[in-house]
Amino acid sequence: MNAVSTEKFVADAKVLMSDTEDLLRVTAAQTGDKIAEARNRAQQALTNARASVAQAEAAVVEQTRVAAQAVNRSVHEHPWTAVGVSAGMGFLIGLLIGRR
């Protein structure tokens, strides 16, 4: 799973967890064995989802940190190459913007 899809998963899971919490709160006054069982299963699933989202979020943060360190190390090892690449990218972006 790449970083973008992981971030989207985390965002979607947070929305789902919020909706589930709202549903549990609204149905708190409902009585009966089946509704109580369903609420317990939903609460357990919500707890598990929170743990999964926390792990996914930590993985994204760690991947981002590792990538930033790699870029930083590369720029420090090859500063003139980094300057040249940045200048070339700026030149190409300038050409593309100037054509419009």
PDB file of N, CA and C in Angstrom:
ATOM      1  N   MET A   1       0.862  -1.171   0.000  1.00  0.00           N
ATOM      2  CA  MET A   1       0.000   0.000   0.000  1.00  0.00           C
ATOM      3  C   MET A   1       0.905   1.230   0.000  1.00  0.00           C
ATOM      4  N   ASN A   2       0.707   2.126  -0.954  1.00  0.00           N
ATOM      5  CA  ASN A   2       1.552   3.305  -0.992  1.00  0.00           C
ATOM      6  C   ASN A   2       1.053   4.358  -0.007  1.00  0.00           C
ATOM      7  N   ALA A   3       1.829   5.418   0.158  1.00  0.00           N
ATOM      8  CA  ALA A   3       1.530   6.431   1.179  1.00  0.00           C
ATOM      9  C   ALA A   3       0.210   7.143   0.917  1.00  0.00           C
ATOM     10  N   VAL A   4      -0.097   7.428  -0.348  1.00  0.00           N
ATOM     11  CA  VAL A   4      -1.329   8.148  -0.663  1.00  0.00           C
ATOM     12  C   VAL A   4      -2.553   7.302  -0.333  1.00  0.00           C
ATOM     13  N   SER A   5      -2.539   6.035  -0.735  1.00  0.00           N
ATOM     14  CA  SER A   5      -3.692   5.190  -0.436  1.00  0.00           C
ATOM     15  C   SER A   5      -3.802   4.927   1.061  1.00  0.00           C
ATOM     16  N   THR A   6      -2.679   4.856   1.751  1.00  0.00           N
ATOM     17  CA  THR A   6      -2.715   4.679   3.202  1.00  0.00           C
ATOM     18  C   THR A   6      -3.323   5.904   3.870  1.00  0.00           C
ATOM     19  N   GLU A   7      -2.941   7.092   3.409  1.00  0.00           N
ATOM     20  CA  GLU A   7      -3.517   8.317   3.970  1.00  0.00           C
ATOM     21  C   GLU A   7      -5.015   8.380   3.710  1.00  0.00           C
ATOM     22  N   LYS A   8      -5.450   7.978   2.511  1.00  0.00           N
ATOM     23  CA  LYS A   8      -6.885   7.966   2.201  1.00  0.00           C
ATOM     24  C   LYS A   8      -7.609   6.949   3.071  1.00  0.00           C
ATOM     25  N   PHE A   9      -6.996   5.794   3.275  1.00  0.00           N
ATOM     26  CA  PHE A   9      -7.585   4.782   4.156  1.00  0.00           C
ATOM     27  C   PHE A   9      -7.758   5.328   5.565  1.00  0.00           C
ATOM     28  N   VAL A  10      -6.747   6.000   6.075  1.00  0.00           N
ATOM     29  CA  VAL A  10      -6.815   6.563   7.429  1.00  0.00           C
ATOM     30  C   VAL A  10      -7.934   7.595   7.511  1.00  0.00           C
ATOM     31  N   ALA A  11      -8.028   8.466   6.523  1.00  0.00           N
ATOM     32  CA  ALA A  11      -9.086   9.484   6.526  1.00  0.00           C
ATOM     33  C   ALA A  11     -10.470   8.844   6.448  1.00  0.00           C
ATOM     34  N   ASP A  12     -10.634   7.873   5.564  1.00  0.00           N
ATOM     35  CA  ASP A  12     -11.922   7.186   5.430  1.00  0.00           C
ATOM     36  C   ASP A  12     -12.285   6.422   6.700  1.00  0.00           C
ATOM     37  N   ALA A  13     -11.292   5.794   7.305  1.00  0.00           N
ATOM     38  CA  ALA A  13     -11.547   5.039   8.531  1.00  0.00           C
ATOM     39  C   ALA A  13     -11.955   5.965   9.669  1.00  0.00           C
ATOM     40  N   LYS A  14     -11.360   7.151   9.739  1.00  0.00           N
ATOM     41  CA  LYS A  14     -11.738   8.107  10.778  1.00  0.00           C
ATOM     42  C   LYS A  14     -13.182   8.566  10.591  1.00  0.00           C
ATOM     43  N   VAL A  15     -13.597   8.786   9.352  1.00  0.00           N
ATOM     44  CA  VAL A  15     -14.989   9.165   9.080  1.00  0.00           C
ATOM     45  C   VAL A  15     -15.921   8.024   9.481  1.00  0.00           C
ATOM     46  N   LEU A  16     -15.561   6.803   9.125  1.00  0.00           N
ATOM     47  CA  LEU A  16     -16.369   5.638   9.472  1.00  0.00           C
ATOM     48  C   LEU A  16     -16.476   5.480  10.985  1.00  0.00           C
ATOM     49  N   MET A  17     -15.374   5.671  11.682  1.00  0.00           N
ATOM     50  CA  MET A  17     -15.402   5.554  13.141  1.00  0.00           C
ATOM     51  C   MET A  17     -16.284   6.632  13.757  1.00  0.00           C
ATOM     52  N   SER A  18     -16.222   7.827  13.233  1.00  0.00           N
ATOM     53  CA  SER A  18     -17.063   8.906  13.739  1.00  0.00           C
ATOM     54  C   SER A  18     -18.536   8.595  13.524  1.00  0.00           C
ATOM     55  N   ASP A  19     -18.874   8.111  12.342  1.00  0.00           N
ATOM     56  CA  ASP A  19     -20.264   7.735  12.048  1.00  0.00           C
ATOM     57  C   ASP A  19     -20.736   6.602  12.957  1.00  0.00           C
ATOM     58  N   THR A  20     -19.869   5.628  13.199  1.00  0.00           N
ATOM     59  CA  THR A  20     -20.221   4.512  14.067  1.00  0.00           C
ATOM     60  C   THR A  20     -20.450   4.986  15.500  1.00  0.00           C
ATOM     61  N   GLU A  21     -19.599   5.897  15.967  1.00  0.00           N
ATOM     62  CA  GLU A  21     -19.790   6.454  17.307  1.00  0.00           C
ATOM     63  C   GLU A  21     -21.132   7.173  17.407  1.00  0.00           C
ATOM     64  N   ASP A  22     -21.477   7.933  16.379  1.00  0.00           N
ATOM     65  CA  ASP A  22     -22.768   8.618  16.364  1.00  0.00           C
ATOM     66  C   ASP A  22     -23.921   7.618  16.412  1.00  0.00           C
ATOM     67  N   LEU A  23     -23.812   6.556  15.633  1.00  0.00           N
ATOM     68  CA  LEU A  23     -24.849   5.523  15.609  1.00  0.00           C
ATOM     69  C   LEU A  23     -24.986   4.859  16.978  1.00  0.00           C
ATOM     70  N   LEU A  24     -23.869   4.552  17.605  1.00  0.00           N
ATOM     71  CA  LEU A  24     -23.912   3.942  18.933  1.00  0.00           C
ATOM     72  C   LEU A  24     -24.542   4.891  19.961  1.00  0.00           C
ATOM     73  N   ARG A  25     -24.233   6.157  19.840  1.00  0.00           N
ATOM     74  CA  ARG A  25     -24.783   7.152  20.762  1.00  0.00           C
ATOM     75  C   ARG A  25     -26.301   7.287  20.573  1.00  0.00           C
ATOM     76  N   VAL A  26     -26.752   7.294  19.333  1.00  0.00           N
ATOM     77  CA  VAL A  26     -28.177   7.451  19.031  1.00  0.00           C
ATOM     78  C   VAL A  26     -28.974   6.227  19.489  1.00  0.00           C
ATOM     79  N   THR A  27     -28.398   5.045  19.367  1.00  0.00           N
ATOM     80  CA  THR A  27     -29.127   3.826  19.720  1.00  0.00           C
ATOM     81  C   THR A  27     -28.938   3.421  21.177  1.00  0.00           C
ATOM     82  N   ALA A  28     -28.316   4.267  21.973  1.00  0.00           N
ATOM     83  CA  ALA A  28     -28.050   3.922  23.377  1.00  0.00           C
ATOM     84  C   ALA A  28     -29.339   3.666  24.158  1.00  0.00           C
ATOM     85  N   ALA A  29     -30.423   4.339  23.812  1.00  0.00           N
ATOM     86  CA  ALA A  29     -31.681   4.180  24.537  1.00  0.00           C
ATOM     87  C   ALA A  29     -32.453   2.938  24.104  1.00  0.00           C
ATOM     88  N   GLN A  30     -32.088   2.332  22.999  1.00  0.00           N
ATOM     89  CA  GLN A  30     -32.787   1.141  22.508  1.00  0.00           C
ATOM     90  C   GLN A  30     -32.500  -0.042  23.435  1.00  0.00           C
ATOM     91  N   THR A  31     -33.503  -0.862  23.654  1.00  0.00           N
ATOM     92  CA  THR A  31     -33.330  -2.018  24.524  1.00  0.00           C
ATOM     93  C   THR A  31     -33.556  -3.296  23.748  1.00  0.00           C
ATOM     94  N   GLY A  32     -33.160  -4.383  24.337  1.00  0.00           N
ATOM     95  CA  GLY A  32     -33.336  -5.687  23.714  1.00  0.00           C
ATOM     96  C   GLY A  32     -32.004  -6.398  23.594  1.00  0.00           C
ATOM     97  N   ASP A  33     -32.070  -7.712  23.569  1.00  0.00           N
ATOM     98  CA  ASP A  33     -30.852  -8.518  23.505  1.00  0.00           C
ATOM     99  C   ASP A  33     -30.120  -8.345  22.186  1.00  0.00           C
ATOM    100  N   LYS A  34     -30.883  -8.345  21.082  1.00  0.00           N
ATOM    101  CA  LYS A  34     -30.244  -8.255  19.763  1.00  0.00           C
ATOM    102  C   LYS A  34     -29.559  -6.911  19.574  1.00  0.00           C
ATOM    103  N   ILE A  35     -30.215  -5.829  19.988  1.00  0.00           N
ATOM    104  CA  ILE A  35     -29.599  -4.505  19.824  1.00  0.00           C
ATOM    105  C   ILE A  35     -28.379  -4.372  20.731  1.00  0.00           C
ATOM    106  N   ALA A  36     -28.449  -4.936  21.924  1.00  0.00           N
ATOM    107  CA  ALA A  36     -27.306  -4.894  22.838  1.00  0.00           C
ATOM    108  C   ALA A  36     -26.131  -5.672  22.265  1.00  0.00           C
ATOM    109  N   GLU A  37     -26.432  -6.824  21.675  1.00  0.00           N
ATOM    110  CA  GLU A  37     -25.378  -7.630  21.056  1.00  0.00           C
ATOM    111  C   GLU A  37     -24.762  -6.894  19.857  1.00  0.00           C
ATOM    112  N   ALA A  38     -25.608  -6.289  19.046  1.00  0.00           N
ATOM    113  CA  ALA A  38     -25.118  -5.536  17.889  1.00  0.00           C
ATOM    114  C   ALA A  38     -24.272  -4.343  18.330  1.00  0.00           C
ATOM    115  N   ARG A  39     -24.711  -3.656  19.375  1.00  0.00           N
ATOM    116  CA  ARG A  39     -23.946  -2.521  19.883  1.00  0.00           C
ATOM    117  C   ARG A  39     -22.582  -2.974  20.408  1.00  0.00           C
ATOM    118  N   ASN A  40     -22.551  -4.116  21.101  1.00  0.00           N
ATOM    119  CA  ASN A  40     -21.282  -4.644  21.619  1.00  0.00           C
ATOM    120  C   ASN A  40     -20.327  -5.012  20.486  1.00  0.00           C
ATOM    121  N   ARG A  41     -20.873  -5.656  19.440  1.00  0.00           N
ATOM    122  CA  ARG A  41     -20.030  -6.007  18.284  1.00  0.00           C
ATOM    123  C   ARG A  41     -19.517  -4.749  17.593  1.00  0.00           C
ATOM    124  N   ALA A  42     -20.379  -3.743  17.440  1.00  0.00           N
ATOM    125  CA  ALA A  42     -19.963  -2.493  16.804  1.00  0.00           C
ATOM    126  C   ALA A  42     -18.900  -1.787  17.638  1.00  0.00           C
ATOM    127  N   GLN A  43     -19.075  -1.807  18.954  1.00  0.00           N
ATOM    128  CA  GLN A  43     -18.088  -1.171  19.836  1.00  0.00           C
ATOM    129  C   GLN A  43     -16.745  -1.888  19.736  1.00  0.00           C
ATOM    130  N   GLN A  44     -16.761  -3.209  19.677  1.00  0.00           N
ATOM    131  CA  GLN A  44     -15.521  -3.975  19.548  1.00  0.00           C
ATOM    132  C   GLN A  44     -14.858  -3.707  18.195  1.00  0.00           C
ATOM    133  N   ALA A  45     -15.662  -3.665  17.139  1.00  0.00           N
ATOM    134  CA  ALA A  45     -15.118  -3.369  15.812  1.00  0.00           C
ATOM    135  C   ALA A  45     -14.516  -1.965  15.781  1.00  0.00           C
ATOM    136  N   LEU A  46     -15.153  -1.036  16.440  1.00  0.00           N
ATOM    137  CA  LEU A  46     -14.646   0.336  16.502  1.00  0.00           C
ATOM    138  C   LEU A  46     -13.311   0.381  17.231  1.00  0.00           C
ATOM    139  N   THR A  47     -13.199  -0.350  18.317  1.00  0.00           N
ATOM    140  CA  THR A  47     -11.939  -0.407  19.067  1.00  0.00           C
ATOM    141  C   THR A  47     -10.832  -1.000  18.201  1.00  0.00           C
ATOM    142  N   ASN A  48     -11.145  -2.077  17.479  1.00  0.00           N
ATOM    143  CA  ASN A  48     -10.155  -2.696  16.589  1.00  0.00           C
ATOM    144  C   ASN A  48      -9.767  -1.753  15.453  1.00  0.00           C
ATOM    145  N   ALA A  49     -10.754  -1.041  14.908  1.00  0.00           N
ATOM    146  CA  ALA A  49     -10.475  -0.112  13.809  1.00  0.00           C
ATOM    147  C   ALA A  49      -9.569   1.015  14.274  1.00  0.00           C
ATOM    148  N   ARG A  50      -9.809   1.509  15.477  1.00  0.00           N
ATOM    149  CA  ARG A  50      -8.943   2.573  16.008  1.00  0.00           C
ATOM    150  C   ARG A  50      -7.498   2.113  16.085  1.00  0.00           C
ATOM    151  N   ALA A  51      -7.285   0.886  16.531  1.00  0.00           N
ATOM    152  CA  ALA A  51      -5.923   0.353  16.622  1.00  0.00           C
ATOM    153  C   ALA A  51      -5.295   0.225  15.237  1.00  0.00           C
ATOM    154  N   SER A  52      -6.069  -0.254  14.269  1.00  0.00           N
ATOM    155  CA  SER A  52      -5.557  -0.397  12.900  1.00  0.00           C
ATOM    156  C   SER A  52      -5.216   0.957  12.289  1.00  0.00           C
ATOM    157  N   VAL A  53      -6.077   1.943  12.516  1.00  0.00           N
ATOM    158  CA  VAL A  53      -5.828   3.280  11.972  1.00  0.00           C
ATOM    159  C   VAL A  53      -4.588   3.883  12.611  1.00  0.00           C
ATOM    160  N   ALA A  54      -4.419   3.679  13.899  1.00  0.00           N
ATOM    161  CA  ALA A  54      -3.232   4.203  14.576  1.00  0.00           C
ATOM    162  C   ALA A  54      -1.965   3.579  14.000  1.00  0.00           C
ATOM    163  N   GLN A  55      -2.006   2.275  13.713  1.00  0.00           N
ATOM    164  CA  GLN A  55      -0.846   1.610  13.121  1.00  0.00           C
ATOM    165  C   GLN A  55      -0.572   2.122  11.712  1.00  0.00           C
ATOM    166  N   ALA A  56      -1.623   2.293  10.917  1.00  0.00           N
ATOM    167  CA  ALA A  56      -1.453   2.791   9.554  1.00  0.00           C
ATOM    168  C   ALA A  56      -0.908   4.212   9.565  1.00  0.00           C
ATOM    169  N   GLU A  57      -1.419   5.029  10.479  1.00  0.00           N
ATOM    170  CA  GLU A  57      -0.950   6.404  10.576  1.00  0.00           C
ATOM    171  C   GLU A  57       0.518   6.444  10.978  1.00  0.00           C
ATOM    172  N   ALA A  58       0.899   5.599  11.915  1.00  0.00           N
ATOM    173  CA  ALA A  58       2.296   5.526  12.345  1.00  0.00           C
ATOM    174  C   ALA A  58       3.192   5.073  11.195  1.00  0.00           C
ATOM    175  N   ALA A  59       2.693   4.134  10.383  1.00  0.00           N
ATOM    176  CA  ALA A  59       3.475   3.661   9.238  1.00  0.00           C
ATOM    177  C   ALA A  59       3.683   4.780   8.216  1.00  0.00           C
ATOM    178  N   VAL A  60       2.653   5.576   7.972  1.00  0.00           N
ATOM    179  CA  VAL A  60       2.775   6.697   7.030  1.00  0.00           C
ATOM    180  C   VAL A  60       3.780   7.713   7.550  1.00  0.00           C
ATOM    181  N   VAL A  61       3.697   8.013   8.819  1.00  0.00           N
ATOM    182  CA  VAL A  61       4.634   8.972   9.410  1.00  0.00           C
ATOM    183  C   VAL A  61       6.059   8.451   9.298  1.00  0.00           C
ATOM    184  N   GLU A  62       6.251   7.175   9.587  1.00  0.00           N
ATOM    185  CA  GLU A  62       7.589   6.585   9.527  1.00  0.00           C
ATOM    186  C   GLU A  62       8.117   6.587   8.088  1.00  0.00           C
ATOM    187  N   GLN A  63       7.268   6.225   7.109  1.00  0.00           N
ATOM    188  CA  GLN A  63       7.699   6.233   5.707  1.00  0.00           C
ATOM    189  C   GLN A  63       8.075   7.642   5.263  1.00  0.00           C
ATOM    190  N   THR A  64       7.301   8.608   5.683  1.00  0.00           N
ATOM    191  CA  THR A  64       7.584   9.993   5.320  1.00  0.00           C
ATOM    192  C   THR A  64       8.906  10.447   5.929  1.00  0.00           C
ATOM    193  N   ARG A  65       9.132  10.079   7.186  1.00  0.00           N
ATOM    194  CA  ARG A  65      10.374  10.460   7.861  1.00  0.00           C
ATOM    195  C   ARG A  65      11.580   9.823   7.171  1.00  0.00           C
ATOM    196  N   VAL A  66      11.459   8.554   6.819  1.00  0.00           N
ATOM    197  CA  VAL A  66      12.561   7.855   6.141  1.00  0.00           C
ATOM    198  C   VAL A  66      12.834   8.485   4.779  1.00  0.00           C
ATOM    199  N   ALA A  67      11.780   8.808   4.033  1.00  0.00           N
ATOM    200  CA  ALA A  67      11.957   9.427   2.713  1.00  0.00           C
ATOM    201  C   ALA A  67      12.611  10.802   2.847  1.00  0.00           C
ATOM    202  N   ALA A  68      12.187  11.569   3.828  1.00  0.00           N
ATOM    203  CA  ALA A  68      12.774  12.906   4.039  1.00  0.00           C
ATOM    204  C   ALA A  68      14.249  12.793   4.415  1.00  0.00           C
ATOM    205  N   GLN A  69      14.584  11.824   5.240  1.00  0.00           N
ATOM    206  CA  GLN A  69      15.993  11.629   5.605  1.00  0.00           C
ATOM    207  C   GLN A  69      16.823  11.219   4.398  1.00  0.00           C
ATOM    208  N   ALA A  70      16.256  10.377   3.532  1.00  0.00           N
ATOM    209  CA  ALA A  70      16.980   9.940   2.336  1.00  0.00           C
ATOM    210  C   ALA A  70      17.229  11.117   1.395  1.00  0.00           C
ATOM    211  N   VAL A  71      16.221  11.956   1.211  1.00  0.00           N
ATOM    212  CA  VAL A  71      16.388  13.131   0.351  1.00  0.00           C
ATOM    213  C   VAL A  71      17.416  14.076   0.956  1.00  0.00           C
ATOM    214  N   ASN A  72      17.330  14.289   2.251  1.00  0.00           N
ATOM    215  CA  ASN A  72      18.272  15.180   2.927  1.00  0.00           C
ATOM    216  C   ASN A  72      19.706  14.662   2.786  1.00  0.00           C
ATOM    217  N   ARG A  73      19.891  13.361   2.989  1.00  0.00           N
ATOM    218  CA  ARG A  73      21.224  12.762   2.869  1.00  0.00           C
ATOM    219  C   ARG A  73      21.737  12.894   1.436  1.00  0.00           C
ATOM    220  N   SER A  74      20.864  12.647   0.459  1.00  0.00           N
ATOM    221  CA  SER A  74      21.266  12.738  -0.943  1.00  0.00           C
ATOM    222  C   SER A  74      21.662  14.156  -1.317  1.00  0.00           C
ATOM    223  N   VAL A  75      20.903  15.122  -0.850  1.00  0.00           N
ATOM    224  CA  VAL A  75      21.218  16.525  -1.159  1.00  0.00           C
ATOM    225  C   VAL A  75      22.539  16.927  -0.519  1.00  0.00           C
ATOM    226  N   HIS A  76      22.790  16.449   0.701  1.00  0.00           N
ATOM    227  CA  HIS A  76      24.061  16.783   1.353  1.00  0.00           C
ATOM    228  C   HIS A  76      25.247  16.088   0.689  1.00  0.00           C
ATOM    229  N   GLU A  77      25.034  14.899   0.154  1.00  0.00           N
ATOM    230  CA  GLU A  77      26.120  14.182  -0.519  1.00  0.00           C
ATOM    231  C   GLU A  77      26.401  14.731  -1.912  1.00  0.00           C
ATOM    232  N   HIS A  78      25.380  15.234  -2.584  1.00  0.00           N
ATOM    233  CA  HIS A  78      25.520  15.727  -3.955  1.00  0.00           C
ATOM    234  C   HIS A  78      24.825  17.096  -4.090  1.00  0.00           C
ATOM    235  N   PRO A  79      25.380  18.133  -3.455  1.00  0.00           N
ATOM    236  CA  PRO A  79      24.676  19.426  -3.461  1.00  0.00           C
ATOM    237  C   PRO A  79      24.554  20.046  -4.853  1.00  0.00           C
ATOM    238  N   TRP A  80      25.592  19.934  -5.676  1.00  0.00           N
ATOM    239  CA  TRP A  80      25.530  20.567  -6.984  1.00  0.00           C
ATOM    240  C   TRP A  80      24.569  19.842  -7.915  1.00  0.00           C
ATOM    241  N   THR A  81      24.457  18.555  -7.772  1.00  0.00           N
ATOM    242  CA  THR A  81      23.484  17.804  -8.551  1.00  0.00           C
ATOM    243  C   THR A  81      22.075  18.245  -8.170  1.00  0.00           C
ATOM    244  N   ALA A  82      21.851  18.417  -6.862  1.00  0.00           N
ATOM    245  CA  ALA A  82      20.540  18.870  -6.395  1.00  0.00           C
ATOM    246  C   ALA A  82      20.224  20.263  -6.926  1.00  0.00           C
ATOM    247  N   VAL A  83      21.211  21.145  -6.937  1.00  0.00           N
ATOM    248  CA  VAL A  83      21.002  22.498  -7.464  1.00  0.00           C
ATOM    249  C   VAL A  83      20.680  22.418  -8.954  1.00  0.00           C
ATOM    250  N   GLY A  84      21.417  21.596  -9.695  1.00  0.00           N
ATOM    251  CA  GLY A  84      21.179  21.455 -11.131  1.00  0.00           C
ATOM    252  C   GLY A  84      19.799  20.892 -11.440  1.00  0.00           C
ATOM    253  N   VAL A  85      19.405  19.873 -10.714  1.00  0.00           N
ATOM    254  CA  VAL A  85      18.082  19.279 -10.926  1.00  0.00           C
ATOM    255  C   VAL A  85      17.001  20.298 -10.604  1.00  0.00           C
ATOM    256  N   SER A  86      17.167  21.020  -9.495  1.00  0.00           N
ATOM    257  CA  SER A  86      16.174  22.037  -9.120  1.00  0.00           C
ATOM    258  C   SER A  86      16.094  23.143 -10.163  1.00  0.00           C
ATOM    259  N   ALA A  87      17.252  23.587 -10.671  1.00  0.00           N
ATOM    260  CA  ALA A  87      17.256  24.625 -11.703  1.00  0.00           C
ATOM    261  C   ALA A  87      16.585  24.123 -12.983  1.00  0.00           C
ATOM    262  N   GLY A  88      16.884  22.889 -13.365  1.00  0.00           N
ATOM    263  CA  GLY A  88      16.278  22.316 -14.563  1.00  0.00           C
ATOM    264  C   GLY A  88      14.761  22.186 -14.417  1.00  0.00           C
ATOM    265  N   MET A  89      14.306  21.741 -13.261  1.00  0.00           N
ATOM    266  CA  MET A  89      12.863  21.621 -13.022  1.00  0.00           C
ATOM    267  C   MET A  89      12.215  23.005 -13.073  1.00  0.00           C
ATOM    268  N   GLY A  90      12.857  23.979 -12.456  1.00  0.00           N
ATOM    269  CA  GLY A  90      12.322  25.345 -12.480  1.00  0.00           C
ATOM    270  C   GLY A  90      12.238  25.882 -13.896  1.00  0.00           C
ATOM    271  N   PHE A  91      13.261  25.597 -14.704  1.00  0.00           N
ATOM    272  CA  PHE A  91      13.283  26.044 -16.093  1.00  0.00           C
ATOM    273  C   PHE A  91      12.134  25.406 -16.889  1.00  0.00           C
ATOM    274  N   LEU A  92      11.955  24.085 -16.719  1.00  0.00           N
ATOM    275  CA  LEU A  92      10.881  23.380 -17.429  1.00  0.00           C
ATOM    276  C   LEU A  92       9.497  23.883 -16.991  1.00  0.00           C
ATOM    277  N   ILE A  93       9.318  24.099 -15.713  1.00  0.00           N
ATOM    278  CA  ILE A  93       8.031  24.613 -15.226  1.00  0.00           C
ATOM    279  C   ILE A  93       7.805  26.014 -15.787  1.00  0.00           C
ATOM    280  N   GLY A  94       8.856  26.825 -15.814  1.00  0.00           N
ATOM    281  CA  GLY A  94       8.740  28.165 -16.381  1.00  0.00           C
ATOM    282  C   GLY A  94       8.344  28.121 -17.858  1.00  0.00           C
ATOM    283  N   LEU A  95       8.951  27.198 -18.625  1.00  0.00           N
ATOM    284  CA  LEU A  95       8.586  27.057 -20.034  1.00  0.00           C
ATOM    285  C   LEU A  95       7.122  26.651 -20.185  1.00  0.00           C
ATOM    286  N   LEU A  96       6.677  25.704 -19.380  1.00  0.00           N
ATOM    287  CA  LEU A  96       5.294  25.252 -19.476  1.00  0.00           C
ATOM    288  C   LEU A  96       4.312  26.368 -19.104  1.00  0.00           C
ATOM    289  N   ILE A  97       4.638  27.124 -18.106  1.00  0.00           N
ATOM    290  CA  ILE A  97       3.762  28.229 -17.711  1.00  0.00           C
ATOM    291  C   ILE A  97       3.773  29.334 -18.764  1.00  0.00           C
ATOM    292  N   GLY A  98       4.948  29.579 -19.353  1.00  0.00           N
ATOM    293  CA  GLY A  98       5.065  30.619 -20.364  1.00  0.00           C
ATOM    294  C   GLY A  98       4.334  30.304 -21.653  1.00  0.00           C
ATOM    295  N   ARG A  99       4.073  29.050 -21.935  1.00  0.00           N
ATOM    296  CA  ARG A  99       3.396  28.666 -23.171  1.00  0.00           C
ATOM    297  C   ARG A  99       1.910  28.969 -23.136  1.00  0.00           C
ATOM    298  N   ARG A 100       1.353  29.092 -21.958  1.00  0.00           N
ATOM    299  CA  ARG A 100      -0.100  29.303 -21.835  1.00  0.00           C
ATOM    300  C   ARG A 100      -0.449  30.671 -22.111  1.00  0.00           C
TER     301      ARG A 100
END
